[in-house]
Amino acid sequence: MSATDFSNLKIPPGVLVCPDCRVVLTGDADVLTCVRCNASFSSESNVLKLYPPSRAQEIEHGLESFRSPHSNVRSTPFFRALIPPNPICDATKSTREARVCGLMASGLVLNLGSKDSRWGEHVVNVDIVAPLKGGVDVLADIAALPFADASVDGVICTYVLEHVADARACIAEIARVVRPGGTVYVAIPFMFPTHPDPLDRWRWTLDGLRHSMGAFDEIEAGCSGGPWSAYVAIVPTLTASLFSNFVLFNAIRFALGWAMWPLKFLDYVASGSKYEHMTAANFYFLGRKK
């Protein structure tokens, strides 16, 4: 059986569906069509665009209308050079992600909200907008995925669900497309400052994350950034929030961020503590579809 070849990725036939009708799309990699609603889907800058027809204009308008405050300043090399190092110390990241890659080493795996990150040559990167430097294979809305029921072997979704409009709908979509026995890996923030991209809407406790992922049997779950990471992330913004001036706010936040970032490595000590989760920066869930 042949496969639809797009951007050097193999997507088995019968997997791509209309995001609204969930009818298998017909055609080729250049133009795909839904025989039920007659919607046509094509590529944009060599990226297959599969927005749900019922919301395509709304999505396009939202992407065009979003403008970050002071975006001209934020994009300058000087401003970006002042940004402090990553405040997160994820003490178990390398070994945990090696386990994730081992569990998702083959089959059709989706990286949702991927931007340009890569988890493997067989992993399909899905995002609602393509970054300027590329790296996305399919443009889609996570709340209406263009993949057939139980057609995917694994899903990776890291630090994305806090930004979506309806996190429950997105988690339900993940559960819908993953086959029984398939694997899911989700990471989300808990005690971490808001970071609009373009909006920041949700937070979870570890218990809340486990409850939300109820369609999956837990393989493991825990902190992906401990309490000292939360401290380093929050205190600079907390202190700078005394001021509304953009320059003063960022000057204080950046200065404290640079001064405090070594404290995050105390999470190597806190890792494994039974109280670590009470004030952790982030959590993760690795599970298998029931």
C-alpha atoms as a PDB file:
ATOM      1  CA  MET A   1       0.000   0.000   0.000  1.00  0.00           C
ATOM      2  CA  SER A   2       1.409   3.387  -0.964  1.00  0.00           C
ATOM      3  CA  ALA A   3       1.503   6.331   1.375  1.00  0.00           C
ATOM      4  CA  THR A   4       0.926  10.018   0.974  1.00  0.00           C
ATOM      5  CA  ASP A   5       4.422  11.523   0.864  1.00  0.00           C
ATOM      6  CA  PHE A   6       4.534  15.089   2.169  1.00  0.00           C
ATOM      7  CA  SER A   7       7.703  16.931   3.242  1.00  0.00           C
ATOM      8  CA  ASN A   8       9.531  13.571   3.286  1.00  0.00           C
ATOM      9  CA  LEU A   9       7.144  12.216   5.946  1.00  0.00           C
ATOM     10  CA  LYS A  10       5.048   9.094   5.398  1.00  0.00           C
ATOM     11  CA  ILE A  11       1.404   9.405   6.376  1.00  0.00           C
ATOM     12  CA  PRO A  12      -0.559   6.190   5.733  1.00  0.00           C
ATOM     13  CA  PRO A  13      -3.595   6.433   3.434  1.00  0.00           C
ATOM     14  CA  GLY A  14      -6.923   6.847   5.174  1.00  0.00           C
ATOM     15  CA  VAL A  15      -5.410   8.786   8.081  1.00  0.00           C
ATOM     16  CA  LEU A  16      -5.958  12.375   6.947  1.00  0.00           C
ATOM     17  CA  VAL A  17      -9.601  13.421   7.379  1.00  0.00           C
ATOM     18  CA  CYS A  18     -11.669  16.581   7.122  1.00  0.00           C
ATOM     19  CA  PRO A  19     -11.383  18.273  10.539  1.00  0.00           C
ATOM     20  CA  ASP A  20     -15.121  19.037  10.492  1.00  0.00           C
ATOM     21  CA  CYS A  21     -16.667  15.964   8.830  1.00  0.00           C
ATOM     22  CA  ARG A  22     -13.990  13.384   9.730  1.00  0.00           C
ATOM     23  CA  VAL A  23     -14.389  11.934   6.252  1.00  0.00           C
ATOM     24  CA  VAL A  24     -11.190  10.580   4.689  1.00  0.00           C
ATOM     25  CA  LEU A  25      -9.679  13.161   2.327  1.00  0.00           C
ATOM     26  CA  THR A  26      -9.113  12.250  -1.301  1.00  0.00           C
ATOM     27  CA  GLY A  27      -6.624  13.648  -3.787  1.00  0.00           C
ATOM     28  CA  ASP A  28      -2.863  14.003  -3.518  1.00  0.00           C
ATOM     29  CA  ALA A  29      -0.308  15.891  -1.450  1.00  0.00           C
ATOM     30  CA  ASP A  30      -1.018  19.115  -3.368  1.00  0.00           C
ATOM     31  CA  VAL A  31      -4.819  19.289  -3.058  1.00  0.00           C
ATOM     32  CA  LEU A  32      -6.997  17.188  -0.749  1.00  0.00           C
ATOM     33  CA  THR A  33     -10.796  17.264  -0.847  1.00  0.00           C
ATOM     34  CA  CYS A  34     -13.634  16.306   1.484  1.00  0.00           C
ATOM     35  CA  VAL A  35     -16.371  14.549  -0.486  1.00  0.00           C
ATOM     36  CA  ARG A  36     -18.988  15.434   2.148  1.00  0.00           C
ATOM     37  CA  CYS A  37     -18.559  19.217   2.554  1.00  0.00           C
ATOM     38  CA  ASN A  38     -16.546  19.777  -0.664  1.00  0.00           C
ATOM     39  CA  ALA A  39     -13.856  21.649   1.241  1.00  0.00           C
ATOM     40  CA  SER A  40     -10.445  21.708  -0.423  1.00  0.00           C
ATOM     41  CA  PHE A  41      -7.145  21.729   1.417  1.00  0.00           C
ATOM     42  CA  SER A  42      -3.818  22.726  -0.106  1.00  0.00           C
ATOM     43  CA  SER A  43      -0.343  23.681   0.996  1.00  0.00           C
ATOM     44  CA  GLU A  44       1.010  27.022   2.111  1.00  0.00           C
ATOM     45  CA  SER A  45       4.769  27.512   1.854  1.00  0.00           C
ATOM     46  CA  ASN A  46       5.093  23.741   1.378  1.00  0.00           C
ATOM     47  CA  VAL A  47       3.100  23.050   4.567  1.00  0.00           C
ATOM     48  CA  LEU A  48      -0.220  21.204   4.311  1.00  0.00           C
ATOM     49  CA  LYS A  49      -2.974  23.412   5.755  1.00  0.00           C
ATOM     50  CA  LEU A  50      -5.852  21.486   7.319  1.00  0.00           C
ATOM     51  CA  TYR A  51      -7.776  24.071   9.311  1.00  0.00           C
ATOM     52  CA  PRO A  52     -11.412  23.067   9.993  1.00  0.00           C
ATOM     53  CA  PRO A  53     -13.500  24.734   7.244  1.00  0.00           C
ATOM     54  CA  SER A  54     -16.065  25.941   9.795  1.00  0.00           C
ATOM     55  CA  ARG A  55     -13.383  27.947  11.633  1.00  0.00           C
ATOM     56  CA  ALA A  56     -10.776  28.622   8.947  1.00  0.00           C
ATOM     57  CA  GLN A  57     -11.590  32.325   8.566  1.00  0.00           C
ATOM     58  CA  GLU A  58     -11.730  32.796  12.337  1.00  0.00           C
ATOM     59  CA  ILE A  59      -8.323  31.161  12.740  1.00  0.00           C
ATOM     60  CA  GLU A  60      -6.779  33.170   9.911  1.00  0.00           C
ATOM     61  CA  HIS A  61      -8.195  36.410  11.317  1.00  0.00           C
ATOM     62  CA  GLY A  62      -6.920  35.593  14.792  1.00  0.00           C
ATOM     63  CA  LEU A  63      -3.417  34.929  13.511  1.00  0.00           C
ATOM     64  CA  GLU A  64      -3.362  38.125  11.465  1.00  0.00           C
ATOM     65  CA  SER A  65      -4.797  40.352  14.200  1.00  0.00           C
ATOM     66  CA  PHE A  66      -2.447  39.248  16.973  1.00  0.00           C
ATOM     67  CA  ARG A  67       0.329  41.706  17.646  1.00  0.00           C
ATOM     68  CA  SER A  68       2.545  41.408  20.692  1.00  0.00           C
ATOM     69  CA  PRO A  69       2.943  44.711  22.630  1.00  0.00           C
ATOM     70  CA  HIS A  70       6.318  46.314  21.855  1.00  0.00           C
ATOM     71  CA  SER A  71       6.957  43.567  19.283  1.00  0.00           C
ATOM     72  CA  ASN A  72       9.433  45.808  17.437  1.00  0.00           C
ATOM     73  CA  VAL A  73      11.554  46.080  20.590  1.00  0.00           C
ATOM     74  CA  ARG A  74      11.158  42.431  21.619  1.00  0.00           C
ATOM     75  CA  SER A  75      12.457  41.226  18.256  1.00  0.00           C
ATOM     76  CA  THR A  76      15.717  43.216  18.330  1.00  0.00           C
ATOM     77  CA  PRO A  77      18.974  41.297  18.891  1.00  0.00           C
ATOM     78  CA  PHE A  78      19.861  43.615  21.798  1.00  0.00           C
ATOM     79  CA  PHE A  79      16.628  42.879  23.683  1.00  0.00           C
ATOM     80  CA  ARG A  80      16.910  39.143  23.058  1.00  0.00           C
ATOM     81  CA  ALA A  81      20.524  39.138  24.261  1.00  0.00           C
ATOM     82  CA  LEU A  82      19.375  40.591  27.597  1.00  0.00           C
ATOM     83  CA  ILE A  83      16.880  37.797  28.257  1.00  0.00           C
ATOM     84  CA  PRO A  84      18.093  35.690  31.210  1.00  0.00           C
ATOM     85  CA  PRO A  85      18.836  31.969  30.877  1.00  0.00           C
ATOM     86  CA  ASN A  86      15.979  29.478  31.053  1.00  0.00           C
ATOM     87  CA  PRO A  87      14.817  29.449  34.705  1.00  0.00           C
ATOM     88  CA  ILE A  88      13.763  25.791  34.544  1.00  0.00           C
ATOM     89  CA  CYS A  89      15.934  22.984  35.864  1.00  0.00           C
ATOM     90  CA  ASP A  90      14.302  19.737  34.776  1.00  0.00           C
ATOM     91  CA  ALA A  91      16.475  17.259  36.654  1.00  0.00           C
ATOM     92  CA  THR A  92      15.108  14.137  34.940  1.00  0.00           C
ATOM     93  CA  LYS A  93      14.527  15.564  31.457  1.00  0.00           C
ATOM     94  CA  SER A  94      17.200  13.689  29.485  1.00  0.00           C
ATOM     95  CA  THR A  95      16.397  10.238  30.877  1.00  0.00           C
ATOM     96  CA  ARG A  96      12.633  10.838  30.716  1.00  0.00           C
ATOM     97  CA  GLU A  97      12.698  12.044  27.105  1.00  0.00           C
ATOM     98  CA  ALA A  98      14.871   9.054  26.184  1.00  0.00           C
ATOM     99  CA  ARG A  99      12.094   6.816  27.558  1.00  0.00           C
ATOM    100  CA  VAL A 100       9.505   8.782  25.573  1.00  0.00           C
ATOM    101  CA  CYS A 101      11.524   8.391  22.375  1.00  0.00           C
ATOM    102  CA  GLY A 102      11.883   4.672  23.065  1.00  0.00           C
ATOM    103  CA  LEU A 103       8.137   4.243  23.472  1.00  0.00           C
ATOM    104  CA  MET A 104       7.453   6.257  20.307  1.00  0.00           C
ATOM    105  CA  ALA A 105      10.330   5.006  18.175  1.00  0.00           C
ATOM    106  CA  SER A 106       8.101   3.893  15.284  1.00  0.00           C
ATOM    107  CA  GLY A 107       4.664   4.330  13.767  1.00  0.00           C
ATOM    108  CA  LEU A 108       2.810   7.586  13.220  1.00  0.00           C
ATOM    109  CA  VAL A 109       3.642  10.046  15.996  1.00  0.00           C
ATOM    110  CA  LEU A 110       2.347  13.625  16.216  1.00  0.00           C
ATOM    111  CA  ASN A 111       4.161  16.513  17.895  1.00  0.00           C
ATOM    112  CA  LEU A 112       1.335  18.968  18.614  1.00  0.00           C
ATOM    113  CA  GLY A 113       2.161  22.655  18.926  1.00  0.00           C
ATOM    114  CA  SER A 114       5.607  21.706  17.732  1.00  0.00           C
ATOM    115  CA  LYS A 115       7.015  24.951  16.345  1.00  0.00           C
ATOM    116  CA  ASP A 116      10.374  23.824  14.946  1.00  0.00           C
ATOM    117  CA  SER A 117      11.243  21.188  17.583  1.00  0.00           C
ATOM    118  CA  ARG A 118      12.079  17.707  16.310  1.00  0.00           C
ATOM    119  CA  TRP A 119      11.600  14.398  18.152  1.00  0.00           C
ATOM    120  CA  GLY A 120      12.496  12.132  15.237  1.00  0.00           C
ATOM    121  CA  GLU A 121      12.343  11.830  11.476  1.00  0.00           C
ATOM    122  CA  HIS A 122       9.118   9.815  11.700  1.00  0.00           C
ATOM    123  CA  VAL A 123       7.377  12.392  13.923  1.00  0.00           C
ATOM    124  CA  VAL A 124       4.894  14.717  12.182  1.00  0.00           C
ATOM    125  CA  ASN A 125       5.099  18.294  13.464  1.00  0.00           C
ATOM    126  CA  VAL A 126       1.661  19.906  13.801  1.00  0.00           C
ATOM    127  CA  ASP A 127       1.046  23.558  14.704  1.00  0.00           C
ATOM    128  CA  ILE A 128      -1.548  26.223  14.025  1.00  0.00           C
ATOM    129  CA  VAL A 129       1.046  28.545  12.506  1.00  0.00           C
ATOM    130  CA  ALA A 130       4.361  27.851  10.799  1.00  0.00           C
ATOM    131  CA  PRO A 131       7.427  29.545  12.330  1.00  0.00           C
ATOM    132  CA  LEU A 132       9.501  31.705   9.997  1.00  0.00           C
ATOM    133  CA  LYS A 133      12.390  29.231  10.058  1.00  0.00           C
ATOM    134  CA  GLY A 134      10.114  26.306   9.161  1.00  0.00           C
ATOM    135  CA  GLY A 135       9.898  22.918  10.839  1.00  0.00           C
ATOM    136  CA  VAL A 136       6.107  22.383  10.755  1.00  0.00           C
ATOM    137  CA  ASP A 137       4.646  19.648   8.523  1.00  0.00           C
ATOM    138  CA  VAL A 138       0.878  20.153   8.988  1.00  0.00           C
ATOM    139  CA  LEU A 139      -1.055  23.294   9.932  1.00  0.00           C
ATOM    140  CA  ALA A 140      -4.043  22.320  12.073  1.00  0.00           C
ATOM    141  CA  ASP A 141      -6.178  23.234  15.068  1.00  0.00           C
ATOM    142  CA  ILE A 142      -5.480  20.908  18.023  1.00  0.00           C
ATOM    143  CA  ALA A 143      -9.167  21.124  18.975  1.00  0.00           C
ATOM    144  CA  ALA A 144     -10.123  19.637  15.577  1.00  0.00           C
ATOM    145  CA  LEU A 145      -7.295  17.370  14.448  1.00  0.00           C
ATOM    146  CA  PRO A 146      -7.343  16.218  10.797  1.00  0.00           C
ATOM    147  CA  PHE A 147      -6.526  12.605  11.686  1.00  0.00           C
ATOM    148  CA  ALA A 148      -8.877   9.627  11.754  1.00  0.00           C
ATOM    149  CA  ASP A 149     -10.042   7.954  14.958  1.00  0.00           C
ATOM    150  CA  ALA A 150      -7.420   5.631  16.508  1.00  0.00           C
ATOM    151  CA  SER A 151      -5.014   6.281  13.611  1.00  0.00           C
ATOM    152  CA  VAL A 152      -1.996   7.559  15.551  1.00  0.00           C
ATOM    153  CA  ASP A 153       0.557   5.559  17.528  1.00  0.00           C
ATOM    154  CA  GLY A 154       1.728   8.388  19.745  1.00  0.00           C
ATOM    155  CA  VAL A 155       1.226  12.062  20.598  1.00  0.00           C
ATOM    156  CA  ILE A 156       3.697  14.521  22.110  1.00  0.00           C
ATOM    157  CA  CYS A 157       2.297  17.812  23.400  1.00  0.00           C
ATOM    158  CA  THR A 158       4.682  19.856  25.558  1.00  0.00           C
ATOM    159  CA  TYR A 159       3.839  23.282  27.001  1.00  0.00           C
ATOM    160  CA  VAL A 160       1.016  23.894  24.540  1.00  0.00           C
ATOM    161  CA  LEU A 161      -2.263  23.150  26.330  1.00  0.00           C
ATOM    162  CA  GLU A 162      -1.950  26.243  28.546  1.00  0.00           C
ATOM    163  CA  HIS A 163      -2.365  28.386  25.412  1.00  0.00           C
ATOM    164  CA  VAL A 164      -5.426  26.802  23.769  1.00  0.00           C
ATOM    165  CA  ALA A 165      -8.972  28.139  24.064  1.00  0.00           C
ATOM    166  CA  ASP A 166     -10.497  24.816  25.164  1.00  0.00           C
ATOM    167  CA  ALA A 167      -7.999  22.486  26.823  1.00  0.00           C
ATOM    168  CA  ARG A 168     -10.635  19.782  27.452  1.00  0.00           C
ATOM    169  CA  ALA A 169     -11.533  19.671  23.765  1.00  0.00           C
ATOM    170  CA  CYS A 170      -7.869  19.372  22.812  1.00  0.00           C
ATOM    171  CA  ILE A 171      -7.251  16.544  25.274  1.00  0.00           C
ATOM    172  CA  ALA A 172     -10.388  14.781  23.967  1.00  0.00           C
ATOM    173  CA  GLU A 173      -9.014  15.106  20.426  1.00  0.00           C
ATOM    174  CA  ILE A 174      -5.708  13.590  21.502  1.00  0.00           C
ATOM    175  CA  ALA A 175      -7.593  10.671  23.051  1.00  0.00           C
ATOM    176  CA  ARG A 176      -9.688  10.278  19.885  1.00  0.00           C
ATOM    177  CA  VAL A 177      -6.801  10.000  17.436  1.00  0.00           C
ATOM    178  CA  VAL A 178      -4.511   7.761  19.534  1.00  0.00           C
ATOM    179  CA  ARG A 179      -5.072   4.041  19.035  1.00  0.00           C
ATOM    180  CA  PRO A 180      -5.664   1.754  22.035  1.00  0.00           C
ATOM    181  CA  GLY A 181      -2.232   0.956  23.453  1.00  0.00           C
ATOM    182  CA  GLY A 182      -0.753   4.093  21.894  1.00  0.00           C
ATOM    183  CA  THR A 183       1.383   6.490  23.905  1.00  0.00           C
ATOM    184  CA  VAL A 184       0.904  10.112  24.964  1.00  0.00           C
ATOM    185  CA  TYR A 185       3.389  12.505  26.538  1.00  0.00           C
ATOM    186  CA  VAL A 186       2.085  15.843  27.832  1.00  0.00           C
ATOM    187  CA  ALA A 187       3.894  18.589  29.755  1.00  0.00           C
ATOM    188  CA  ILE A 188       2.211  21.666  31.237  1.00  0.00           C
ATOM    189  CA  PRO A 189       3.040  24.547  33.613  1.00  0.00           C
ATOM    190  CA  PHE A 190       1.843  24.913  37.199  1.00  0.00           C
ATOM    191  CA  MET A 191       3.594  27.666  39.166  1.00  0.00           C
ATOM    192  CA  PHE A 192       5.011  29.629  36.261  1.00  0.00           C
ATOM    193  CA  PRO A 193       4.376  33.219  35.089  1.00  0.00           C
ATOM    194  CA  THR A 194       2.042  33.766  32.178  1.00  0.00           C
ATOM    195  CA  HIS A 195       3.727  33.642  28.778  1.00  0.00           C
ATOM    196  CA  PRO A 196       1.271  34.675  26.037  1.00  0.00           C
ATOM    197  CA  ASP A 197       1.686  32.802  22.742  1.00  0.00           C
ATOM    198  CA  PRO A 198      -0.573  34.533  21.757  1.00  0.00           C
ATOM    199  CA  LEU A 199      -2.586  33.951  24.971  1.00  0.00           C
ATOM    200  CA  ASP A 200      -1.986  32.009  28.193  1.00  0.00           C
ATOM    201  CA  ARG A 201      -5.167  30.542  29.680  1.00  0.00           C
ATOM    202  CA  TRP A 202      -4.689  27.447  31.876  1.00  0.00           C
ATOM    203  CA  ARG A 203      -2.716  25.858  34.728  1.00  0.00           C
ATOM    204  CA  TRP A 204      -2.848  22.347  36.249  1.00  0.00           C
ATOM    205  CA  THR A 205      -1.847  20.716  39.503  1.00  0.00           C
ATOM    206  CA  LEU A 206      -0.382  17.212  39.227  1.00  0.00           C
ATOM    207  CA  ASP A 207      -3.697  15.731  40.369  1.00  0.00           C
ATOM    208  CA  GLY A 208      -5.519  17.904  37.850  1.00  0.00           C
ATOM    209  CA  LEU A 209      -3.271  16.723  35.037  1.00  0.00           C
ATOM    210  CA  ARG A 210      -3.817  13.085  35.975  1.00  0.00           C
ATOM    211  CA  HIS A 211      -7.578  13.647  36.057  1.00  0.00           C
ATOM    212  CA  SER A 212      -7.541  15.400  32.681  1.00  0.00           C
ATOM    213  CA  MET A 213      -5.663  12.477  31.119  1.00  0.00           C
ATOM    214  CA  GLY A 214      -8.214   9.936  32.348  1.00  0.00           C
ATOM    215  CA  ALA A 215      -8.449   8.237  28.924  1.00  0.00           C
ATOM    216  CA  PHE A 216      -4.895   6.998  29.441  1.00  0.00           C
ATOM    217  CA  ASP A 217      -3.325   4.596  31.911  1.00  0.00           C
ATOM    218  CA  GLU A 218      -0.457   6.334  33.664  1.00  0.00           C
ATOM    219  CA  ILE A 219       3.031   5.038  32.954  1.00  0.00           C
ATOM    220  CA  GLU A 220       4.602   7.808  34.993  1.00  0.00           C
ATOM    221  CA  ALA A 221       3.920  11.419  35.959  1.00  0.00           C
ATOM    222  CA  GLY A 222       5.693  14.058  37.969  1.00  0.00           C
ATOM    223  CA  CYS A 223       7.620  17.341  37.952  1.00  0.00           C
ATOM    224  CA  SER A 224       9.361  18.643  34.850  1.00  0.00           C
ATOM    225  CA  GLY A 225      10.672  21.694  36.672  1.00  0.00           C
ATOM    226  CA  GLY A 226      10.752  21.754  40.451  1.00  0.00           C
ATOM    227  CA  PRO A 227      10.013  24.296  43.198  1.00  0.00           C
ATOM    228  CA  TRP A 228      13.308  26.166  42.867  1.00  0.00           C
ATOM    229  CA  SER A 229      12.667  26.587  39.148  1.00  0.00           C
ATOM    230  CA  ALA A 230       9.284  28.058  40.058  1.00  0.00           C
ATOM    231  CA  TYR A 231      10.990  30.425  42.517  1.00  0.00           C
ATOM    232  CA  VAL A 232      13.526  31.604  39.925  1.00  0.00           C
ATOM    233  CA  ALA A 233      10.785  32.026  37.316  1.00  0.00           C
ATOM    234  CA  ILE A 234       8.325  33.897  39.527  1.00  0.00           C
ATOM    235  CA  VAL A 235      10.347  36.242  41.769  1.00  0.00           C
ATOM    236  CA  PRO A 236      11.806  38.455  38.987  1.00  0.00           C
ATOM    237  CA  THR A 237       8.383  38.979  37.427  1.00  0.00           C
ATOM    238  CA  LEU A 238       6.765  39.367  40.849  1.00  0.00           C
ATOM    239  CA  THR A 239       9.216  42.132  41.788  1.00  0.00           C
ATOM    240  CA  ALA A 240       9.083  43.849  38.409  1.00  0.00           C
ATOM    241  CA  SER A 241       5.268  43.904  38.516  1.00  0.00           C
ATOM    242  CA  LEU A 242       5.508  46.853  40.922  1.00  0.00           C
ATOM    243  CA  PHE A 243       6.058  48.962  37.820  1.00  0.00           C
ATOM    244  CA  SER A 244       4.022  49.477  34.641  1.00  0.00           C
ATOM    245  CA  ASN A 245       6.768  51.054  32.568  1.00  0.00           C
ATOM    246  CA  PHE A 246       7.896  48.562  29.900  1.00  0.00           C
ATOM    247  CA  VAL A 247      11.597  49.433  30.153  1.00  0.00           C
ATOM    248  CA  LEU A 248      11.699  49.480  33.965  1.00  0.00           C
ATOM    249  CA  PHE A 249       9.656  46.271  34.212  1.00  0.00           C
ATOM    250  CA  ASN A 250      12.015  44.374  31.932  1.00  0.00           C
ATOM    251  CA  ALA A 251      15.180  45.916  33.398  1.00  0.00           C
ATOM    252  CA  ILE A 252      14.242  44.621  36.869  1.00  0.00           C
ATOM    253  CA  ARG A 253      12.990  41.289  35.572  1.00  0.00           C
ATOM    254  CA  PHE A 254      16.111  40.665  33.514  1.00  0.00           C
ATOM    255  CA  ALA A 255      18.556  41.791  36.214  1.00  0.00           C
ATOM    256  CA  LEU A 256      16.967  39.520  38.822  1.00  0.00           C
ATOM    257  CA  GLY A 257      16.645  36.715  36.295  1.00  0.00           C
ATOM    258  CA  TRP A 258      20.382  36.741  35.616  1.00  0.00           C
ATOM    259  CA  ALA A 259      21.229  37.064  39.318  1.00  0.00           C
ATOM    260  CA  MET A 260      18.901  34.270  40.469  1.00  0.00           C
ATOM    261  CA  TRP A 261      19.168  31.657  37.726  1.00  0.00           C
ATOM    262  CA  PRO A 262      21.848  29.523  39.489  1.00  0.00           C
ATOM    263  CA  LEU A 263      19.334  28.837  42.282  1.00  0.00           C
ATOM    264  CA  LYS A 264      17.326  26.639  39.910  1.00  0.00           C
ATOM    265  CA  PHE A 265      19.949  23.920  40.260  1.00  0.00           C
ATOM    266  CA  LEU A 266      18.733  23.313  43.811  1.00  0.00           C
ATOM    267  CA  ASP A 267      16.047  21.271  42.054  1.00  0.00           C
ATOM    268  CA  TYR A 268      18.635  18.521  41.737  1.00  0.00           C
ATOM    269  CA  VAL A 269      18.384  18.327  45.535  1.00  0.00           C
ATOM    270  CA  ALA A 270      14.593  18.732  45.633  1.00  0.00           C
ATOM    271  CA  SER A 271      14.053  16.119  42.904  1.00  0.00           C
ATOM    272  CA  GLY A 272      12.426  13.082  44.425  1.00  0.00           C
ATOM    273  CA  SER A 273      11.131  14.865  47.522  1.00  0.00           C
ATOM    274  CA  LYS A 274       7.548  13.876  48.307  1.00  0.00           C
ATOM    275  CA  TYR A 275       6.712  17.589  48.628  1.00  0.00           C
ATOM    276  CA  GLU A 276       8.307  18.680  45.341  1.00  0.00           C
ATOM    277  CA  HIS A 277       4.972  18.759  43.512  1.00  0.00           C
ATOM    278  CA  MET A 278       3.378  21.277  45.906  1.00  0.00           C
ATOM    279  CA  THR A 279       5.159  24.273  44.345  1.00  0.00           C
ATOM    280  CA  ALA A 280       6.639  22.838  41.155  1.00  0.00           C
ATOM    281  CA  ALA A 281       7.051  24.911  38.019  1.00  0.00           C
ATOM    282  CA  ASN A 282       5.844  22.255  35.559  1.00  0.00           C
ATOM    283  CA  PHE A 283       4.381  18.749  35.393  1.00  0.00           C
ATOM    284  CA  TYR A 284       4.394  15.933  32.852  1.00  0.00           C
ATOM    285  CA  PHE A 285       2.245  12.873  32.161  1.00  0.00           C
ATOM    286  CA  LEU A 286       3.312   9.806  30.196  1.00  0.00           C
ATOM    287  CA  GLY A 287       0.512   7.360  29.514  1.00  0.00           C
ATOM    288  CA  ARG A 288      -0.886   4.569  27.386  1.00  0.00           C
ATOM    289  CA  LYS A 289      -4.316   4.714  25.730  1.00  0.00           C
ATOM    290  CA  LYS A 290      -6.853   2.434  27.406  1.00  0.00           C
END
